[in-house]
Amino acid sequence: MPNENFENKKNAENIAPNEPEIMEEDFVQEQYAGEEENALARNAKKLGLFIFEGVKVILISLAIILPIRYFLVQPFIVQGASMEPNFHDREYLIINEIEYRLGDPERGEVVILKDPLNPQIYFIKRVIGLPGETVDIKKGRVFINDQELTEVYIEDFGLDTFDAVKLSDSEYYVMGDNRTNSFDSRRFGPVTRKSIIGRVWFRGWPWNKISTFNLPKY
């Protein structure tokens, strides 16, 4: 019996020191797993905040840009040579739309308008005749109510003659600056006020021709 008790005690001593080591390893593993879960949770939260802030910035930007884009100004790219030498093919322009919501076009303004024959097509032209006026073209020269219009922005007037046109209270006479190569009111007639979209306000391209535009003096 004494030998048996001695063996049991010896075995107990041999086992006892190992038990705390097993428990300590389990604790370390559980603690590491908990820290890993916390780190993943923090990263997920940061990612969520980042996405939320990104979406918020995009929505705020759209709320600012879209009204400007669709109701105030619009881009327009010149196509063709009808407005040379003052506007050339592929130039990038900014159109002021809000101005014509508050007032009417003036003589000499360069405008964007819908083609009277096909509203899906847009033209760039200069306003020449105003509502109620009579426009007459003799050998390339423009006469408004029998008074010749001085146009310093034209290089080649041409020699064409057209019948006089009496504009109604809502009609405008528009022409291209390239008088010998422009499809305008001389061909398709006067345009209505509602067909005029906006005024050319700013040229953004090419870089060496960036500029705004003022009314010519008549």
C-alpha atoms as a PDB file:
ATOM      1  CA  MET A   1       0.000   0.000   0.000  1.00  0.00           C
ATOM      2  CA  PRO A   2       2.688   2.565   0.790  1.00  0.00           C
ATOM      3  CA  ASN A   3       4.350   1.884  -2.547  1.00  0.00           C
ATOM      4  CA  GLU A   4       1.014   2.369  -4.333  1.00  0.00           C
ATOM      5  CA  ASN A   5       0.391   5.672  -2.603  1.00  0.00           C
ATOM      6  CA  PHE A   6       3.895   6.745  -3.459  1.00  0.00           C
ATOM      7  CA  GLU A   7       3.363   5.936  -7.145  1.00  0.00           C
ATOM      8  CA  ASN A   8       0.019   7.768  -7.204  1.00  0.00           C
ATOM      9  CA  LYS A   9       1.606  10.816  -5.649  1.00  0.00           C
ATOM     10  CA  LYS A  10       4.462  10.693  -8.130  1.00  0.00           C
ATOM     11  CA  ASN A  11       2.083  10.427 -11.044  1.00  0.00           C
ATOM     12  CA  ALA A  12       0.062  13.346  -9.715  1.00  0.00           C
ATOM     13  CA  GLU A  13       3.192  15.448  -9.469  1.00  0.00           C
ATOM     14  CA  ASN A  14       4.124  14.584 -13.038  1.00  0.00           C
ATOM     15  CA  ILE A  15       0.669  15.512 -14.366  1.00  0.00           C
ATOM     16  CA  ALA A  16       0.032  18.629 -12.372  1.00  0.00           C
ATOM     17  CA  PRO A  17       2.696  20.866 -13.951  1.00  0.00           C
ATOM     18  CA  ASN A  18       1.297  20.181 -17.446  1.00  0.00           C
ATOM     19  CA  GLU A  19      -2.271  21.251 -16.704  1.00  0.00           C
ATOM     20  CA  PRO A  20      -1.576  24.981 -16.377  1.00  0.00           C
ATOM     21  CA  GLU A  21       0.352  24.937 -19.688  1.00  0.00           C
ATOM     22  CA  ILE A  22      -2.636  23.504 -21.561  1.00  0.00           C
ATOM     23  CA  MET A  23      -4.977  26.042 -20.015  1.00  0.00           C
ATOM     24  CA  GLU A  24      -2.581  28.923 -20.819  1.00  0.00           C
ATOM     25  CA  GLU A  25      -2.360  27.914 -24.497  1.00  0.00           C
ATOM     26  CA  ASP A  26      -6.126  27.741 -24.765  1.00  0.00           C
ATOM     27  CA  PHE A  27      -6.412  31.181 -23.191  1.00  0.00           C
ATOM     28  CA  VAL A  28      -3.855  32.684 -25.568  1.00  0.00           C
ATOM     29  CA  GLN A  29      -5.635  31.182 -28.575  1.00  0.00           C
ATOM     30  CA  GLU A  30      -9.013  32.488 -27.410  1.00  0.00           C
ATOM     31  CA  GLN A  31      -7.556  35.929 -26.731  1.00  0.00           C
ATOM     32  CA  TYR A  32      -5.899  36.057 -30.163  1.00  0.00           C
ATOM     33  CA  ALA A  33      -9.126  34.966 -31.836  1.00  0.00           C
ATOM     34  CA  GLY A  34     -11.014  37.674 -29.968  1.00  0.00           C
ATOM     35  CA  GLU A  35      -8.517  40.348 -31.007  1.00  0.00           C
ATOM     36  CA  GLU A  36      -8.712  39.167 -34.610  1.00  0.00           C
ATOM     37  CA  GLU A  37     -12.504  39.412 -34.559  1.00  0.00           C
ATOM     38  CA  ASN A  38     -12.295  42.903 -33.068  1.00  0.00           C
ATOM     39  CA  ALA A  39      -9.793  43.961 -35.745  1.00  0.00           C
ATOM     40  CA  LEU A  40     -12.056  42.620 -38.488  1.00  0.00           C
ATOM     41  CA  ALA A  41     -15.006  44.440 -36.962  1.00  0.00           C
ATOM     42  CA  ARG A  42     -13.030  47.705 -36.815  1.00  0.00           C
ATOM     43  CA  ASN A  43     -11.888  47.322 -40.430  1.00  0.00           C
ATOM     44  CA  ALA A  44     -15.434  46.569 -41.556  1.00  0.00           C
ATOM     45  CA  LYS A  45     -16.658  49.666 -39.717  1.00  0.00           C
ATOM     46  CA  LYS A  46     -13.942  51.825 -41.315  1.00  0.00           C
ATOM     47  CA  LEU A  47     -14.807  50.433 -44.749  1.00  0.00           C
ATOM     48  CA  GLY A  48     -18.487  51.121 -44.153  1.00  0.00           C
ATOM     49  CA  LEU A  49     -17.747  54.708 -43.108  1.00  0.00           C
ATOM     50  CA  PHE A  50     -15.502  55.182 -46.139  1.00  0.00           C
ATOM     51  CA  ILE A  51     -18.207  53.922 -48.507  1.00  0.00           C
ATOM     52  CA  PHE A  52     -20.828  56.068 -46.775  1.00  0.00           C
ATOM     53  CA  GLU A  53     -18.682  59.195 -47.055  1.00  0.00           C
ATOM     54  CA  GLY A  54     -17.931  58.427 -50.706  1.00  0.00           C
ATOM     55  CA  VAL A  55     -21.605  57.995 -51.557  1.00  0.00           C
ATOM     56  CA  LYS A  56     -22.431  61.193 -49.669  1.00  0.00           C
ATOM     57  CA  VAL A  57     -19.830  63.185 -51.603  1.00  0.00           C
ATOM     58  CA  ILE A  58     -21.123  61.793 -54.908  1.00  0.00           C
ATOM     59  CA  LEU A  59     -24.749  62.626 -54.073  1.00  0.00           C
ATOM     60  CA  ILE A  60     -23.879  66.145 -52.943  1.00  0.00           C
ATOM     61  CA  SER A  61     -21.800  66.692 -56.085  1.00  0.00           C
ATOM     62  CA  LEU A  62     -24.642  65.482 -58.302  1.00  0.00           C
ATOM     63  CA  ALA A  63     -27.099  67.713 -56.453  1.00  0.00           C
ATOM     64  CA  ILE A  64     -24.883  70.685 -57.304  1.00  0.00           C
ATOM     65  CA  ILE A  65     -23.694  69.726 -60.784  1.00  0.00           C
ATOM     66  CA  LEU A  66     -26.884  68.370 -62.367  1.00  0.00           C
ATOM     67  CA  PRO A  67     -28.986  71.549 -61.949  1.00  0.00           C
ATOM     68  CA  ILE A  68     -26.079  73.578 -63.327  1.00  0.00           C
ATOM     69  CA  ARG A  69     -25.610  71.144 -66.194  1.00  0.00           C
ATOM     70  CA  TYR A  70     -29.265  70.948 -67.232  1.00  0.00           C
ATOM     71  CA  PHE A  71     -30.671  74.325 -66.268  1.00  0.00           C
ATOM     72  CA  LEU A  72     -27.858  76.895 -66.205  1.00  0.00           C
ATOM     73  CA  VAL A  73     -25.008  76.028 -68.589  1.00  0.00           C
ATOM     74  CA  GLN A  74     -24.271  73.332 -71.136  1.00  0.00           C
ATOM     75  CA  PRO A  75     -21.260  72.359 -73.209  1.00  0.00           C
ATOM     76  CA  PHE A  76     -21.336  72.595 -76.999  1.00  0.00           C
ATOM     77  CA  ILE A  77     -18.776  71.486 -79.578  1.00  0.00           C
ATOM     78  CA  VAL A  78     -18.659  73.444 -82.824  1.00  0.00           C
ATOM     79  CA  GLN A  79     -19.159  71.344 -85.926  1.00  0.00           C
ATOM     80  CA  GLY A  80     -18.428  72.768 -89.337  1.00  0.00           C
ATOM     81  CA  ALA A  81     -17.214  76.087 -90.691  1.00  0.00           C
ATOM     82  CA  SER A  82     -20.392  78.207 -90.719  1.00  0.00           C
ATOM     83  CA  MET A  83     -19.120  80.568 -87.995  1.00  0.00           C
ATOM     84  CA  GLU A  84     -15.564  81.079 -89.230  1.00  0.00           C
ATOM     85  CA  PRO A  85     -13.408  83.072 -88.741  1.00  0.00           C
ATOM     86  CA  ASN A  86     -14.716  83.632 -85.205  1.00  0.00           C
ATOM     87  CA  PHE A  87     -15.534  80.028 -84.256  1.00  0.00           C
ATOM     88  CA  HIS A  88     -13.871  76.955 -85.688  1.00  0.00           C
ATOM     89  CA  ASP A  89     -14.632  73.255 -85.965  1.00  0.00           C
ATOM     90  CA  ARG A  90     -14.156  71.216 -82.740  1.00  0.00           C
ATOM     91  CA  GLU A  91     -13.958  74.216 -80.445  1.00  0.00           C
ATOM     92  CA  TYR A  92     -15.450  73.578 -77.002  1.00  0.00           C
ATOM     93  CA  LEU A  93     -17.963  76.182 -75.826  1.00  0.00           C
ATOM     94  CA  ILE A  94     -20.020  76.763 -72.701  1.00  0.00           C
ATOM     95  CA  ILE A  95     -23.607  77.890 -73.261  1.00  0.00           C
ATOM     96  CA  ASN A  96     -25.442  80.179 -70.842  1.00  0.00           C
ATOM     97  CA  GLU A  97     -29.053  78.986 -70.668  1.00  0.00           C
ATOM     98  CA  ILE A  98     -30.308  80.845 -67.606  1.00  0.00           C
ATOM     99  CA  GLU A  99     -29.890  84.232 -69.308  1.00  0.00           C
ATOM    100  CA  TYR A 100     -32.663  83.520 -71.809  1.00  0.00           C
ATOM    101  CA  ARG A 101     -34.960  82.308 -69.039  1.00  0.00           C
ATOM    102  CA  LEU A 102     -34.784  85.837 -67.666  1.00  0.00           C
ATOM    103  CA  GLY A 103     -34.501  87.895 -70.849  1.00  0.00           C
ATOM    104  CA  ASP A 104     -34.469  87.801 -74.646  1.00  0.00           C
ATOM    105  CA  PRO A 105     -31.647  87.460 -77.182  1.00  0.00           C
ATOM    106  CA  GLU A 106     -29.992  90.639 -78.393  1.00  0.00           C
ATOM    107  CA  ARG A 107     -28.596  91.516 -81.786  1.00  0.00           C
ATOM    108  CA  GLY A 108     -25.049  90.301 -82.268  1.00  0.00           C
ATOM    109  CA  GLU A 109     -25.216  87.510 -79.697  1.00  0.00           C
ATOM    110  CA  VAL A 110     -23.943  84.121 -80.787  1.00  0.00           C
ATOM    111  CA  VAL A 111     -26.542  81.528 -79.861  1.00  0.00           C
ATOM    112  CA  ILE A 112     -27.260  77.823 -79.978  1.00  0.00           C
ATOM    113  CA  LEU A 113     -30.599  76.928 -81.526  1.00  0.00           C
ATOM    114  CA  LYS A 114     -32.535  73.934 -82.761  1.00  0.00           C
ATOM    115  CA  ASP A 115     -32.708  73.314 -86.480  1.00  0.00           C
ATOM    116  CA  PRO A 116     -36.240  74.391 -87.509  1.00  0.00           C
ATOM    117  CA  LEU A 117     -36.370  71.434 -89.891  1.00  0.00           C
ATOM    118  CA  ASN A 118     -34.995  68.854 -87.432  1.00  0.00           C
ATOM    119  CA  PRO A 119     -35.135  69.696 -83.688  1.00  0.00           C
ATOM    120  CA  GLN A 120     -32.624  66.923 -82.960  1.00  0.00           C
ATOM    121  CA  ILE A 121     -29.892  68.999 -84.645  1.00  0.00           C
ATOM    122  CA  TYR A 122     -28.353  72.095 -83.085  1.00  0.00           C
ATOM    123  CA  PHE A 123     -26.839  75.103 -84.847  1.00  0.00           C
ATOM    124  CA  ILE A 124     -24.530  77.876 -83.745  1.00  0.00           C
ATOM    125  CA  LYS A 125     -25.491  81.230 -85.336  1.00  0.00           C
ATOM    126  CA  ARG A 126     -25.497  84.953 -84.693  1.00  0.00           C
ATOM    127  CA  VAL A 127     -28.671  86.907 -83.985  1.00  0.00           C
ATOM    128  CA  ILE A 128     -29.127  89.505 -86.750  1.00  0.00           C
ATOM    129  CA  GLY A 129     -32.794  90.489 -86.840  1.00  0.00           C
ATOM    130  CA  LEU A 130     -35.055  91.035 -83.808  1.00  0.00           C
ATOM    131  CA  PRO A 131     -38.838  90.591 -83.457  1.00  0.00           C
ATOM    132  CA  GLY A 132     -40.863  93.135 -85.431  1.00  0.00           C
ATOM    133  CA  GLU A 133     -37.958  94.196 -87.657  1.00  0.00           C
ATOM    134  CA  THR A 134     -37.613  93.880 -91.427  1.00  0.00           C
ATOM    135  CA  VAL A 135     -34.433  92.178 -92.613  1.00  0.00           C
ATOM    136  CA  ASP A 136     -33.232  92.768 -96.155  1.00  0.00           C
ATOM    137  CA  ILE A 137     -30.033  91.409 -97.709  1.00  0.00           C
ATOM    138  CA  LYS A 138     -28.608  93.142-100.802  1.00  0.00           C
ATOM    139  CA  LYS A 139     -25.350  91.935-102.378  1.00  0.00           C
ATOM    140  CA  GLY A 140     -24.318  90.355 -99.108  1.00  0.00           C
ATOM    141  CA  ARG A 141     -25.001  93.407 -96.972  1.00  0.00           C
ATOM    142  CA  VAL A 142     -27.672  93.272 -94.241  1.00  0.00           C
ATOM    143  CA  PHE A 143     -30.242  96.041 -93.866  1.00  0.00           C
ATOM    144  CA  ILE A 144     -32.461  96.315 -90.773  1.00  0.00           C
ATOM    145  CA  ASN A 145     -35.518  98.506 -91.360  1.00  0.00           C
ATOM    146  CA  ASP A 146     -33.684  99.965 -94.391  1.00  0.00           C
ATOM    147  CA  GLN A 147     -30.558 100.795 -92.339  1.00  0.00           C
ATOM    148  CA  GLU A 148     -27.347  98.960 -93.225  1.00  0.00           C
ATOM    149  CA  LEU A 149     -25.930  96.909 -90.380  1.00  0.00           C
ATOM    150  CA  THR A 150     -22.220  97.418 -89.716  1.00  0.00           C
ATOM    151  CA  GLU A 151     -20.693  94.007 -89.075  1.00  0.00           C
ATOM    152  CA  VAL A 152     -17.017  94.220 -88.169  1.00  0.00           C
ATOM    153  CA  TYR A 153     -16.842  90.475 -87.429  1.00  0.00           C
ATOM    154  CA  ILE A 154     -17.459  89.477 -91.087  1.00  0.00           C
ATOM    155  CA  GLU A 155     -14.547  88.957 -93.487  1.00  0.00           C
ATOM    156  CA  ASP A 156     -16.429  87.939 -96.629  1.00  0.00           C
ATOM    157  CA  PHE A 157     -19.988  89.188 -97.084  1.00  0.00           C
ATOM    158  CA  GLY A 158     -20.534  87.511-100.441  1.00  0.00           C
ATOM    159  CA  LEU A 159     -22.761  89.012-103.114  1.00  0.00           C
ATOM    160  CA  ASP A 160     -26.069  87.209-102.580  1.00  0.00           C
ATOM    161  CA  THR A 161     -29.377  89.073-102.515  1.00  0.00           C
ATOM    162  CA  PHE A 162     -32.491  87.809-100.699  1.00  0.00           C
ATOM    163  CA  ASP A 163     -36.049  89.039-100.404  1.00  0.00           C
ATOM    164  CA  ALA A 164     -36.894  91.209 -97.420  1.00  0.00           C
ATOM    165  CA  VAL A 165     -38.426  89.380 -94.435  1.00  0.00           C
ATOM    166  CA  LYS A 166     -40.758  90.923 -91.879  1.00  0.00           C
ATOM    167  CA  LEU A 167     -40.307  89.250 -88.500  1.00  0.00           C
ATOM    168  CA  SER A 168     -43.238  88.557 -86.212  1.00  0.00           C
ATOM    169  CA  ASP A 169     -43.230  89.388 -82.494  1.00  0.00           C
ATOM    170  CA  SER A 170     -41.644  86.027 -81.637  1.00  0.00           C
ATOM    171  CA  GLU A 171     -39.229  85.565 -84.549  1.00  0.00           C
ATOM    172  CA  TYR A 172     -35.494  86.120 -84.969  1.00  0.00           C
ATOM    173  CA  TYR A 173     -33.270  86.198 -88.017  1.00  0.00           C
ATOM    174  CA  VAL A 174     -30.008  84.309 -87.518  1.00  0.00           C
ATOM    175  CA  MET A 175     -26.963  84.005 -89.764  1.00  0.00           C
ATOM    176  CA  GLY A 176     -23.530  82.408 -89.711  1.00  0.00           C
ATOM    177  CA  ASP A 177     -20.416  84.589 -89.750  1.00  0.00           C
ATOM    178  CA  ASN A 178     -19.127  82.642 -92.738  1.00  0.00           C
ATOM    179  CA  ARG A 179     -21.693  84.202 -95.056  1.00  0.00           C
ATOM    180  CA  THR A 180     -20.624  82.253 -98.124  1.00  0.00           C
ATOM    181  CA  ASN A 181     -20.847  78.888 -96.319  1.00  0.00           C
ATOM    182  CA  SER A 182     -23.668  78.941 -93.802  1.00  0.00           C
ATOM    183  CA  PHE A 183     -27.083  77.298 -93.671  1.00  0.00           C
ATOM    184  CA  ASP A 184     -29.157  79.886 -91.803  1.00  0.00           C
ATOM    185  CA  SER A 185     -32.292  82.052 -91.919  1.00  0.00           C
ATOM    186  CA  ARG A 186     -31.553  82.930 -95.523  1.00  0.00           C
ATOM    187  CA  ARG A 187     -32.395  79.295 -96.294  1.00  0.00           C
ATOM    188  CA  PHE A 188     -34.730  78.012 -93.586  1.00  0.00           C
ATOM    189  CA  GLY A 189     -36.352  81.334 -92.650  1.00  0.00           C
ATOM    190  CA  PRO A 190     -36.765  83.061 -89.270  1.00  0.00           C
ATOM    191  CA  VAL A 191     -36.588  81.040 -86.051  1.00  0.00           C
ATOM    192  CA  THR A 192     -38.921  81.220 -83.076  1.00  0.00           C
ATOM    193  CA  ARG A 193     -37.902  82.401 -79.634  1.00  0.00           C
ATOM    194  CA  LYS A 194     -38.405  78.956 -78.094  1.00  0.00           C
ATOM    195  CA  SER A 195     -36.009  77.349 -80.564  1.00  0.00           C
ATOM    196  CA  ILE A 196     -33.092  79.389 -79.179  1.00  0.00           C
ATOM    197  CA  ILE A 197     -31.441  77.398 -76.382  1.00  0.00           C
ATOM    198  CA  GLY A 198     -28.822  79.747 -74.987  1.00  0.00           C
ATOM    199  CA  ARG A 199     -26.020  82.228 -75.582  1.00  0.00           C
ATOM    200  CA  VAL A 200     -22.407  81.288 -76.204  1.00  0.00           C
ATOM    201  CA  TRP A 201     -20.676  82.527 -73.069  1.00  0.00           C
ATOM    202  CA  PHE A 202     -17.243  80.921 -72.835  1.00  0.00           C
ATOM    203  CA  ARG A 203     -14.737  79.142 -75.088  1.00  0.00           C
ATOM    204  CA  GLY A 204     -12.819  76.490 -73.162  1.00  0.00           C
ATOM    205  CA  TRP A 205     -10.870  74.836 -75.965  1.00  0.00           C
ATOM    206  CA  PRO A 206      -8.354  75.199 -77.520  1.00  0.00           C
ATOM    207  CA  TRP A 207      -6.281  76.509 -74.617  1.00  0.00           C
ATOM    208  CA  ASN A 208      -4.738  79.358 -76.588  1.00  0.00           C
ATOM    209  CA  LYS A 209      -8.207  80.708 -77.458  1.00  0.00           C
ATOM    210  CA  ILE A 210      -9.915  80.570 -74.073  1.00  0.00           C
ATOM    211  CA  SER A 211     -12.199  83.601 -73.857  1.00  0.00           C
ATOM    212  CA  THR A 212     -15.596  85.052 -73.046  1.00  0.00           C
ATOM    213  CA  PHE A 213     -17.707  86.962 -75.560  1.00  0.00           C
ATOM    214  CA  ASN A 214     -19.135  90.466 -75.585  1.00  0.00           C
ATOM    215  CA  LEU A 215     -21.709  92.060 -77.850  1.00  0.00           C
ATOM    216  CA  PRO A 216     -20.285  93.677 -80.969  1.00  0.00           C
ATOM    217  CA  LYS A 217     -20.849  97.380 -81.444  1.00  0.00           C
ATOM    218  CA  TYR A 218     -23.178  98.368 -84.279  1.00  0.00           C
END
